[in-house]
C-alpha atoms as a PDB file:
ATOM      1  CA  MET A   1       8.434 -21.176   4.572  1.00  0.00           C
ATOM      2  CA  ALA A   2       6.616 -20.604   1.572  1.00  0.00           C
ATOM      3  CA  SER A   3       7.478 -23.107  -0.979  1.00  0.00           C
ATOM      4  CA  CYS A   4       6.265 -21.640  -4.318  1.00  0.00           C
ATOM      5  CA  HIS A   5       8.123 -19.015  -7.025  1.00  0.00           C
ATOM      6  CA  GLN A   6       5.653 -16.624  -6.509  1.00  0.00           C
ATOM      7  CA  CYS A   7       5.728 -16.736  -2.597  1.00  0.00           C
ATOM      8  CA  GLU A   8       9.464 -15.449  -3.045  1.00  0.00           C
ATOM      9  CA  GLY A   9       8.694 -13.091  -4.885  1.00  0.00           C
ATOM     10  CA  ILE A  10       5.838 -12.013  -1.911  1.00  0.00           C
ATOM     11  CA  GLN A  11       8.217 -12.242   1.025  1.00  0.00           C
ATOM     12  CA  GLU A  12      10.857  -9.705  -1.271  1.00  0.00           C
ATOM     13  CA  GLN A  13       7.680  -7.178  -2.587  1.00  0.00           C
ATOM     14  CA  PHE A  14       6.037  -7.551   1.200  1.00  0.00           C
ATOM     15  CA  GLY A  15       9.871  -7.154   2.983  1.00  0.00           C
ATOM     16  CA  ALA A  16      10.159  -5.406   6.496  1.00  0.00           C
ATOM     17  CA  GLU A  17      10.266  -1.361   4.627  1.00  0.00           C
ATOM     18  CA  THR A  18       7.206  -1.777   2.859  1.00  0.00           C
ATOM     19  CA  ALA A  19       5.419  -3.301   6.213  1.00  0.00           C
ATOM     20  CA  ALA A  20       6.629  -0.390   8.702  1.00  0.00           C
ATOM     21  CA  LYS A  21       5.541   2.090   6.024  1.00  0.00           C
ATOM     22  CA  GLU A  22       1.801   0.391   5.857  1.00  0.00           C
ATOM     23  CA  ILE A  23       1.737  -0.237   9.761  1.00  0.00           C
ATOM     24  CA  ARG A  24       2.465   3.528  10.255  1.00  0.00           C
ATOM     25  CA  ARG A  25      -0.222   4.297   7.551  1.00  0.00           C
ATOM     26  CA  PHE A  26      -2.238   2.164   9.180  1.00  0.00           C
ATOM     27  CA  ARG A  27      -2.100   3.682  12.439  1.00  0.00           C
ATOM     28  CA  LYS A  28      -2.793   6.744  11.619  1.00  0.00           C
ATOM     29  CA  ASN A  29      -5.655   6.536   9.197  1.00  0.00           C
ATOM     30  CA  GLY A  30      -6.924   3.001   9.639  1.00  0.00           C
ATOM     31  CA  ALA A  31      -7.646   0.334   6.740  1.00  0.00           C
ATOM     32  CA  VAL A  32      -7.444   1.587   3.332  1.00  0.00           C
ATOM     33  CA  ARG A  33     -10.665   1.742   1.566  1.00  0.00           C
ATOM     34  CA  SER A  34     -11.436  -1.510   0.427  1.00  0.00           C
ATOM     35  CA  THR A  35     -10.734  -3.480   3.698  1.00  0.00           C
ATOM     36  CA  GLN A  36     -12.968  -1.335   5.457  1.00  0.00           C
ATOM     37  CA  VAL A  37     -15.657  -2.234   3.498  1.00  0.00           C
ATOM     38  CA  LEU A  38     -15.022  -5.611   3.490  1.00  0.00           C
ATOM     39  CA  ILE A  39     -14.762  -5.729   7.070  1.00  0.00           C
ATOM     40  CA  GLU A  40     -17.988  -3.571   7.511  1.00  0.00           C
ATOM     41  CA  HIS A  41     -19.621  -5.722   5.301  1.00  0.00           C
ATOM     42  CA  LEU A  42     -18.115  -8.507   7.400  1.00  0.00           C
ATOM     43  CA  GLU A  43     -19.355  -6.985  10.548  1.00  0.00           C
ATOM     44  CA  ALA A  44     -23.128  -6.762   8.397  1.00  0.00           C
ATOM     45  CA  SER A  45     -23.311 -10.501   7.920  1.00  0.00           C
ATOM     46  CA  GLY A  46     -22.354 -11.200  11.287  1.00  0.00           C
ATOM     47  CA  VAL A  47     -19.423 -12.213  13.014  1.00  0.00           C
ATOM     48  CA  SER A  48     -19.976 -12.114  16.893  1.00  0.00           C
ATOM     49  CA  GLY A  49     -18.839 -15.342  18.314  1.00  0.00           C
ATOM     50  CA  LEU A  50     -16.998 -16.502  15.512  1.00  0.00           C
ATOM     51  CA  THR A  51     -13.725 -17.218  14.676  1.00  0.00           C
ATOM     52  CA  LEU A  52     -11.304 -16.143  11.856  1.00  0.00           C
ATOM     53  CA  LEU A  53      -9.207 -17.548   8.978  1.00  0.00           C
ATOM     54  CA  ASP A  54      -7.182 -14.600   7.894  1.00  0.00           C
ATOM     55  CA  VAL A  55      -5.480 -15.802   4.607  1.00  0.00           C
ATOM     56  CA  GLY A  56      -2.334 -13.093   3.511  1.00  0.00           C
ATOM     57  CA  GLY A  57      -3.492 -10.989   6.317  1.00  0.00           C
ATOM     58  CA  GLY A  58      -0.789  -8.631   6.080  1.00  0.00           C
ATOM     59  CA  ILE A  59      -0.444  -6.296   8.712  1.00  0.00           C
ATOM     60  CA  GLY A  60      -3.623  -7.636  10.432  1.00  0.00           C
ATOM     61  CA  ALA A  61      -6.117  -5.455   9.746  1.00  0.00           C
ATOM     62  CA  ILE A  62      -8.755  -7.528   9.112  1.00  0.00           C
ATOM     63  CA  HIS A  63      -8.207  -9.208  12.420  1.00  0.00           C
ATOM     64  CA  HIS A  64      -7.566  -6.320  14.238  1.00  0.00           C
ATOM     65  CA  ALA A  65     -10.922  -5.145  13.566  1.00  0.00           C
ATOM     66  CA  LEU A  66     -12.956  -8.117  14.017  1.00  0.00           C
ATOM     67  CA  LEU A  67     -11.225  -9.368  17.446  1.00  0.00           C
ATOM     68  CA  GLU A  68     -12.690  -6.091  18.781  1.00  0.00           C
ATOM     69  CA  ARG A  69     -16.075  -6.813  16.973  1.00  0.00           C
ATOM     70  CA  GLY A  70     -17.252  -9.836  18.723  1.00  0.00           C
ATOM     71  CA  VAL A  71     -14.857 -12.269  16.551  1.00  0.00           C
ATOM     72  CA  THR A  72     -13.137 -14.895  19.409  1.00  0.00           C
ATOM     73  CA  THR A  73     -10.176 -15.938  18.001  1.00  0.00           C
ATOM     74  CA  ALA A  74      -8.356 -15.422  14.336  1.00  0.00           C
ATOM     75  CA  THR A  75      -5.370 -17.177  12.394  1.00  0.00           C
ATOM     76  CA  HIS A  76      -3.167 -15.421  10.475  1.00  0.00           C
ATOM     77  CA  VAL A  77      -1.430 -17.018   7.650  1.00  0.00           C
ATOM     78  CA  ASP A  78       1.459 -14.829   5.138  1.00  0.00           C
ATOM     79  CA  ALA A  79       4.395 -15.654   3.036  1.00  0.00           C
ATOM     80  CA  SER A  80       5.785 -12.624   4.561  1.00  0.00           C
ATOM     81  CA  PRO A  81       7.683 -13.128   7.596  1.00  0.00           C
ATOM     82  CA  ASP A  82       7.894  -8.921   7.847  1.00  0.00           C
ATOM     83  CA  TYR A  83       4.328  -8.600   7.992  1.00  0.00           C
ATOM     84  CA  LEU A  84       3.323 -11.195  10.564  1.00  0.00           C
ATOM     85  CA  ALA A  85       6.075  -9.313  12.641  1.00  0.00           C
ATOM     86  CA  VAL A  86       4.720  -6.428  12.297  1.00  0.00           C
ATOM     87  CA  ALA A  87       1.227  -7.943  13.006  1.00  0.00           C
ATOM     88  CA  ARG A  88       2.097  -9.491  15.764  1.00  0.00           C
ATOM     89  CA  ASP A  89       3.562  -6.241  17.204  1.00  0.00           C
ATOM     90  CA  GLU A  90       0.276  -4.596  16.653  1.00  0.00           C
ATOM     91  CA  ALA A  91      -1.987  -7.509  17.940  1.00  0.00           C
ATOM     92  CA  GLU A  92       0.616  -7.166  21.213  1.00  0.00           C
ATOM     93  CA  ARG A  93      -0.673  -3.268  21.385  1.00  0.00           C
ATOM     94  CA  ARG A  94      -3.533  -3.677  21.114  1.00  0.00           C
ATOM     95  CA  ARG A  95      -3.529  -6.398  24.059  1.00  0.00           C
ATOM     96  CA  HIS A  96      -5.506  -9.449  21.321  1.00  0.00           C
ATOM     97  CA  ALA A  97      -2.463 -11.584  20.690  1.00  0.00           C
ATOM     98  CA  ASP A  98      -3.448 -13.831  22.635  1.00  0.00           C
ATOM     99  CA  ARG A  99      -6.601 -14.878  20.772  1.00  0.00           C
ATOM    100  CA  VAL A 100      -4.444 -15.186  16.988  1.00  0.00           C
ATOM    101  CA  ARG A 101      -2.413 -17.685  15.740  1.00  0.00           C
ATOM    102  CA  PHE A 102       0.762 -16.562  13.060  1.00  0.00           C
ATOM    103  CA  VAL A 103       1.826 -19.057  10.572  1.00  0.00           C
ATOM    104  CA  GLN A 104       3.932 -18.073   7.798  1.00  0.00           C
ATOM    105  CA  GLY A 105       3.403 -20.188   4.966  1.00  0.00           C
ATOM    106  CA  ASP A 106       2.169 -20.721   1.684  1.00  0.00           C
ATOM    107  CA  PHE A 107      -1.475 -21.122   2.225  1.00  0.00           C
ATOM    108  CA  VAL A 108      -2.194 -23.716  -0.646  1.00  0.00           C
ATOM    109  CA  GLU A 109       1.224 -25.243   0.549  1.00  0.00           C
ATOM    110  CA  ILE A 110      -0.051 -25.628   4.099  1.00  0.00           C
ATOM    111  CA  ALA A 111      -3.915 -25.701   4.307  1.00  0.00           C
ATOM    112  CA  GLY A 112      -4.170 -29.300   5.732  1.00  0.00           C
ATOM    113  CA  THR A 113      -2.179 -27.940   9.021  1.00  0.00           C
ATOM    114  CA  ILE A 114      -4.498 -24.803   9.041  1.00  0.00           C
ATOM    115  CA  PRO A 115      -7.938 -25.253  11.306  1.00  0.00           C
ATOM    116  CA  ALA A 116     -11.179 -24.251   9.311  1.00  0.00           C
ATOM    117  CA  ALA A 117     -12.879 -21.363  10.629  1.00  0.00           C
ATOM    118  CA  ASP A 118     -16.421 -19.499  10.377  1.00  0.00           C
ATOM    119  CA  ILE A 119     -15.085 -16.830   8.791  1.00  0.00           C
ATOM    120  CA  VAL A 120     -12.136 -16.886   6.065  1.00  0.00           C
ATOM    121  CA  THR A 121     -10.779 -13.698   4.257  1.00  0.00           C
ATOM    122  CA  LEU A 122      -8.500 -13.010   1.523  1.00  0.00           C
ATOM    123  CA  ASP A 123      -8.090  -9.084   1.154  1.00  0.00           C
ATOM    124  CA  ARG A 124      -6.160  -8.041  -2.430  1.00  0.00           C
ATOM    125  CA  VAL A 125      -4.579 -11.903  -1.915  1.00  0.00           C
ATOM    126  CA  ILE A 126      -6.196 -13.914  -5.501  1.00  0.00           C
ATOM    127  CA  CYS A 127      -4.580 -11.294  -7.455  1.00  0.00           C
ATOM    128  CA  CYS A 128      -0.799 -12.103  -5.779  1.00  0.00           C
ATOM    129  CA  TYR A 129      -1.830 -16.041  -6.794  1.00  0.00           C
ATOM    130  CA  PRO A 130      -1.537 -17.167  -9.928  1.00  0.00           C
ATOM    131  CA  ASP A 131      -3.462 -20.289  -9.114  1.00  0.00           C
ATOM    132  CA  MET A 132      -6.496 -19.342  -8.216  1.00  0.00           C
ATOM    133  CA  GLU A 133      -8.747 -22.089  -8.640  1.00  0.00           C
ATOM    134  CA  THR A 134      -6.433 -24.423  -6.093  1.00  0.00           C
ATOM    135  CA  LEU A 135      -6.513 -21.096  -3.829  1.00  0.00           C
ATOM    136  CA  SER A 136     -10.108 -20.655  -4.058  1.00  0.00           C
ATOM    137  CA  ALA A 137     -10.732 -24.060  -3.375  1.00  0.00           C
ATOM    138  CA  ARG A 138      -8.232 -24.208  -0.218  1.00  0.00           C
ATOM    139  CA  ALA A 139     -10.420 -21.223   0.966  1.00  0.00           C
ATOM    140  CA  GLY A 140     -13.685 -22.370   0.300  1.00  0.00           C
ATOM    141  CA  ASP A 141     -13.127 -25.948   2.401  1.00  0.00           C
ATOM    142  CA  HIS A 142     -11.788 -23.867   5.197  1.00  0.00           C
ATOM    143  CA  THR A 143     -14.884 -21.458   5.656  1.00  0.00           C
ATOM    144  CA  HIS A 144     -17.891 -22.820   8.134  1.00  0.00           C
ATOM    145  CA  ARG A 145     -20.275 -19.834   7.167  1.00  0.00           C
ATOM    146  CA  LEU A 146     -18.967 -16.721   5.068  1.00  0.00           C
ATOM    147  CA  LEU A 147     -15.914 -16.214   2.886  1.00  0.00           C
ATOM    148  CA  GLY A 148     -14.864 -12.348   2.006  1.00  0.00           C
ATOM    149  CA  ILE A 149     -12.784 -11.273  -0.965  1.00  0.00           C
ATOM    150  CA  VAL A 150     -11.459  -8.665  -2.357  1.00  0.00           C
ATOM    151  CA  ILE A 151     -10.352  -8.894  -6.175  1.00  0.00           C
ATOM    152  CA  PRO A 152      -9.297  -6.217  -8.847  1.00  0.00           C
ATOM    153  CA  ARG A 153     -11.937  -4.986 -11.101  1.00  0.00           C
ATOM    154  CA  ASP A 154     -12.059  -6.540 -14.308  1.00  0.00           C
ATOM    155  CA  VAL A 155     -11.877  -3.617 -16.373  1.00  0.00           C
ATOM    156  CA  TRP A 156      -9.201  -2.084 -18.456  1.00  0.00           C
ATOM    157  CA  TRP A 157      -7.585   0.032 -16.219  1.00  0.00           C
ATOM    158  CA  MET A 158      -6.770  -1.914 -13.742  1.00  0.00           C
ATOM    159  CA  ARG A 159      -5.605  -4.755 -16.149  1.00  0.00           C
ATOM    160  CA  ALA A 160      -3.386  -2.232 -17.659  1.00  0.00           C
ATOM    161  CA  ALA A 161      -1.499  -1.108 -14.282  1.00  0.00           C
ATOM    162  CA  VAL A 162      -1.444  -4.483 -13.789  1.00  0.00           C
ATOM    163  CA  LYS A 163       0.577  -5.480 -17.033  1.00  0.00           C
ATOM    164  CA  ALA A 164       2.809  -2.307 -16.095  1.00  0.00           C
ATOM    165  CA  VAL A 165       3.401  -3.450 -12.489  1.00  0.00           C
ATOM    166  CA  ASN A 166       4.597  -6.649 -14.148  1.00  0.00           C
ATOM    167  CA  ALA A 167       6.760  -5.046 -16.396  1.00  0.00           C
ATOM    168  CA  VAL A 168       8.670  -3.116 -14.155  1.00  0.00           C
ATOM    169  CA  LYS A 169       9.078  -6.596 -11.532  1.00  0.00           C
ATOM    170  CA  ARG A 170      10.545  -8.133 -15.205  1.00  0.00           C
ATOM    171  CA  LEU A 171      13.010  -5.187 -15.416  1.00  0.00           C
ATOM    172  CA  GLN A 172      13.591  -5.824 -11.667  1.00  0.00           C
ATOM    173  CA  ARG A 173      14.062  -9.748 -11.999  1.00  0.00           C
ATOM    174  CA  SER A 174      11.328 -10.226  -9.092  1.00  0.00           C
ATOM    175  CA  ALA A 175       9.565 -13.214  -8.978  1.00  0.00           C
ATOM    176  CA  PHE A 176       6.511 -11.420  -7.929  1.00  0.00           C
ATOM    177  CA  ARG A 177       3.351 -10.878 -10.174  1.00  0.00           C
ATOM    178  CA  VAL A 178       0.295  -9.777  -9.955  1.00  0.00           C
ATOM    179  CA  PHE A 179      -2.863 -11.378 -11.783  1.00  0.00           C
ATOM    180  CA  VAL A 180      -6.450  -9.925 -12.668  1.00  0.00           C
ATOM    181  CA  HIS A 181      -7.983 -13.143 -12.748  1.00  0.00           C
ATOM    182  CA  ASP A 182     -11.664 -13.306 -14.343  1.00  0.00           C
ATOM    183  CA  PRO A 183     -14.580 -12.825 -11.348  1.00  0.00           C
ATOM    184  CA  ARG A 184     -17.029 -15.206 -13.265  1.00  0.00           C
ATOM    185  CA  ARG A 185     -14.256 -18.023 -12.591  1.00  0.00           C
ATOM    186  CA  ILE A 186     -13.474 -17.162  -9.107  1.00  0.00           C
ATOM    187  CA  ASP A 187     -17.238 -17.163  -8.740  1.00  0.00           C
ATOM    188  CA  THR A 188     -17.675 -20.611 -10.148  1.00  0.00           C
ATOM    189  CA  ALA A 189     -14.673 -21.862  -8.273  1.00  0.00           C
ATOM    190  CA  LEU A 190     -16.714 -20.585  -4.705  1.00  0.00           C
ATOM    191  CA  ARG A 191     -19.926 -21.896  -5.573  1.00  0.00           C
ATOM    192  CA  ALA A 192     -18.825 -25.371  -6.703  1.00  0.00           C
ATOM    193  CA  HIS A 193     -17.763 -25.552  -2.319  1.00  0.00           C
ATOM    194  CA  ASP A 194     -21.228 -24.283  -1.959  1.00  0.00           C
ATOM    195  CA  LEU A 195     -20.813 -20.193  -1.138  1.00  0.00           C
ATOM    196  CA  THR A 196     -23.256 -17.667  -2.761  1.00  0.00           C
ATOM    197  CA  ALA A 197     -22.550 -14.783  -3.047  1.00  0.00           C
ATOM    198  CA  GLU A 198     -24.538 -12.426  -0.178  1.00  0.00           C
ATOM    199  CA  ARG A 199     -23.015  -8.960  -0.320  1.00  0.00           C
ATOM    200  CA  ARG A 200     -20.774  -7.090  -3.104  1.00  0.00           C
ATOM    201  CA  ALA A 201     -19.587  -3.161  -3.216  1.00  0.00           C
ATOM    202  CA  ARG A 202     -16.656  -1.919  -5.424  1.00  0.00           C
ATOM    203  CA  THR A 203     -14.465   1.096  -5.409  1.00  0.00           C
ATOM    204  CA  LEU A 204     -12.366   2.410  -8.017  1.00  0.00           C
ATOM    205  CA  ALA A 205      -9.581  -0.357  -8.063  1.00  0.00           C
ATOM    206  CA  TRP A 206     -11.713  -3.387  -6.546  1.00  0.00           C
ATOM    207  CA  ASP A 207     -14.564  -5.647  -6.072  1.00  0.00           C
ATOM    208  CA  ILE A 208     -15.629  -6.620  -2.330  1.00  0.00           C
ATOM    209  CA  VAL A 209     -17.687  -9.750  -2.416  1.00  0.00           C
ATOM    210  CA  ILE A 210     -18.727 -11.382   0.833  1.00  0.00           C
ATOM    211  CA  TYR A 211     -20.021 -15.441   0.146  1.00  0.00           C
ATOM    212  CA  ARG A 212     -22.332 -17.574   2.328  1.00  0.00           C
ATOM    213  CA  ARG A 213     -22.090 -21.272   2.892  1.00  0.00           C
ATOM    214  CA  THR A 214     -25.261 -23.002   1.471  1.00  0.00           C
ATOM    215  CA  SER A 215     -24.962 -26.101   3.108  1.00  0.00           C
ATOM    216  CA  GLY A 216     -24.554 -27.651   6.110  1.00  0.00           C
ATOM    217  CA  CYS A 217     -21.190 -26.782   8.357  1.00  0.00           C
ATOM    218  CA  ASP A 218     -19.102 -29.111   6.251  1.00  0.00           C
ATOM    219  CA  ALA A 219     -15.440 -27.775   5.795  1.00  0.00           C
ATOM    220  CA  VAL A 220     -12.384 -29.345   6.997  1.00  0.00           C
END
């Protein structure tokens, strides 16, 4: 089970009703734009024959796509049991459930039990975690080749939106909070683990960055 206070909020925020709505939207329209851009840039960087670790994978949009584009196996870690259940059902529907390992928990807390992979993804995950440095370090330690992130743009309208969301959550007595971490600090944390930004893209709300390991494959 997820142990941190924020992860309790994540389980509450991303429950069965939200998961059901998101999978219906995904089946009708595909991945949201920022996720689709992340998938496209990872594919352009080369994914055939590689393994994937999807941290905070939600309904599994990334591994559903990349398993069809040459990724061999995937591990999906998420704090929400409801999202994991929906992702597993979708994997079974797409007939690749036997190639995905589903793990519930706070990745920072259970990272030592999770094998490294060639590709690590954190799609709109860093913004849901208060300790960005530790999360980035754990993720950086776990990738052999590529790491892809989607984070909120550090601009006034996103900061205002996050403040509004957090104000509502406080009124609702929810433990869930959203964070706009300084992208320069995220970049510094990942560069400390021999990862260098290779591709960058942007939507109105999100920055998408693909990092590549610059040293040998020395992840845990």
